[in-house]
Amino acid sequence: MREQSPLEISPEARKLAIASIQRYFTEELDQQIGDLKAALLLDYFVAEVGPAIYNRGIADAQEFLQERASDLAAVYDRTEFPYWERLQRRDAGRPAVRRTPNER
């Protein structure tokens, strides 16, 4: 099994998440929270809850891909070596043409 690396978010997403945490504390809890405390809280939730969210995302993606893969045979199945079968169907509606041995 591969070694698991810690979950990370981009610097841009981290900055937005910290600002969102600060806003949540201000508007919902009537408390001020600084950048350091918001960053520590974000780190805690990414480390503690992040894996559960990540695993759910992986499970959803796996289910989605398995559903699509099971549909492949029905959607993209093609008859192999169809030339002679098509030729027979085409010729089935035509009247027989008699040819002499010299007309080939």
Protein backbone atom coordinates (compact mmCIF):
# COMPACT_ATOMS: atom_id res chain seq x y z
CA MET A 1 0.00 0.00 0.00
CA ARG A 2 1.21 3.48 -0.83
CA GLU A 3 2.30 5.78 1.94
CA GLN A 4 -0.37 8.36 2.60
CA SER A 5 0.59 11.97 2.26
CA PRO A 6 -1.22 14.54 4.35
CA LEU A 7 -4.15 16.29 2.74
CA GLU A 8 -3.26 19.72 1.47
CA ILE A 9 -5.14 22.61 -0.04
CA SER A 10 -3.73 25.23 -2.35
CA PRO A 11 -2.42 28.49 -0.86
CA GLU A 12 -5.29 30.35 -2.53
CA ALA A 13 -7.90 27.98 -1.06
CA ARG A 14 -6.19 28.17 2.35
CA LYS A 15 -6.35 31.97 2.32
CA LEU A 16 -10.04 31.90 1.39
CA ALA A 17 -10.78 29.23 4.03
CA ILE A 18 -9.10 31.27 6.78
CA ALA A 19 -11.11 34.33 5.78
CA SER A 20 -14.30 32.23 5.76
CA ILE A 21 -13.58 30.86 9.25
CA GLN A 22 -13.00 34.38 10.54
CA ARG A 23 -16.24 35.58 8.97
CA TYR A 24 -18.14 32.60 10.44
CA PHE A 25 -16.87 33.38 13.93
CA THR A 26 -17.76 37.05 13.54
CA GLU A 27 -21.24 36.63 12.03
CA GLU A 28 -22.43 33.40 13.65
CA LEU A 29 -20.68 33.38 17.02
CA ASP A 30 -20.19 37.12 17.62
CA GLN A 31 -16.49 36.53 18.28
CA GLN A 32 -13.35 37.79 16.65
CA ILE A 33 -10.72 35.26 15.65
CA GLY A 34 -7.28 36.14 14.33
CA ASP A 35 -5.41 34.71 11.37
CA LEU A 36 -3.31 32.33 13.51
CA LYS A 37 -6.29 30.83 15.38
CA ALA A 38 -8.28 30.50 12.14
CA ALA A 39 -5.30 28.81 10.46
CA LEU A 40 -4.87 26.39 13.37
CA LEU A 41 -8.57 25.56 13.31
CA LEU A 42 -8.38 24.97 9.55
CA ASP A 43 -5.33 22.70 9.99
CA TYR A 44 -7.19 20.71 12.65
CA PHE A 45 -10.26 20.18 10.48
CA VAL A 46 -8.22 19.31 7.40
CA ALA A 47 -6.25 16.73 9.42
CA GLU A 48 -9.19 15.37 11.43
CA VAL A 49 -12.22 15.59 9.11
CA GLY A 50 -10.46 15.93 5.76
CA PRO A 51 -9.77 12.19 5.34
CA ALA A 52 -13.46 11.32 5.80
CA ILE A 53 -14.45 13.86 3.16
CA TYR A 54 -11.63 12.71 0.86
CA ASN A 55 -12.63 9.05 1.24
CA ARG A 56 -16.27 9.88 0.44
CA GLY A 57 -15.11 11.71 -2.69
CA ILE A 58 -12.98 8.76 -3.77
CA ALA A 59 -15.89 6.35 -3.13
CA ASP A 60 -18.24 8.56 -5.17
CA ALA A 61 -15.73 8.76 -8.02
CA GLN A 62 -15.18 5.00 -7.94
CA GLU A 63 -18.94 4.35 -8.04
CA PHE A 64 -19.34 6.80 -10.93
CA LEU A 65 -16.53 5.16 -12.93
CA GLN A 66 -17.82 1.64 -12.25
CA GLU A 67 -21.30 2.62 -13.47
CA ARG A 68 -19.83 4.10 -16.64
CA ALA A 69 -17.55 1.10 -17.20
CA SER A 70 -20.45 -1.33 -16.85
CA ASP A 71 -22.32 0.64 -19.53
CA LEU A 72 -19.45 0.39 -22.02
CA ALA A 73 -20.34 -3.06 -23.33
CA ALA A 74 -23.94 -2.07 -24.00
CA VAL A 75 -23.14 1.30 -25.50
CA TYR A 76 -20.00 0.61 -27.50
CA ASP A 77 -20.23 -3.08 -28.35
CA ARG A 78 -19.65 -3.66 -32.04
CA THR A 79 -20.15 -6.78 -34.10
CA GLU A 80 -16.82 -8.24 -35.05
CA PHE A 81 -16.09 -9.20 -38.65
CA PRO A 82 -19.36 -7.77 -40.01
CA TYR A 83 -18.46 -7.61 -43.69
CA TRP A 84 -19.94 -10.94 -44.82
CA GLU A 85 -23.06 -10.57 -42.70
CA ARG A 86 -23.77 -7.13 -44.21
CA LEU A 87 -23.09 -8.49 -47.67
CA GLN A 88 -25.58 -11.34 -47.16
CA ARG A 89 -28.26 -8.94 -45.92
CA ARG A 90 -27.65 -6.65 -48.86
CA ASP A 91 -27.80 -9.48 -51.37
CA ALA A 92 -30.86 -11.09 -49.73
CA GLY A 93 -33.15 -8.49 -51.30
CA ARG A 94 -31.67 -8.68 -54.79
CA PRO A 95 -32.77 -11.12 -57.47
CA ALA A 96 -30.22 -13.79 -58.25
CA VAL A 97 -28.05 -13.01 -61.27
CA ARG A 98 -26.96 -15.91 -63.38
CA ARG A 99 -23.48 -15.63 -64.70
CA THR A 100 -21.76 -17.76 -67.20
CA PRO A 101 -18.31 -19.05 -66.34
CA ASN A 102 -16.75 -16.47 -68.73
CA GLU A 103 -18.38 -13.44 -66.98
CA ARG A 104 -16.36 -13.49 -63.79
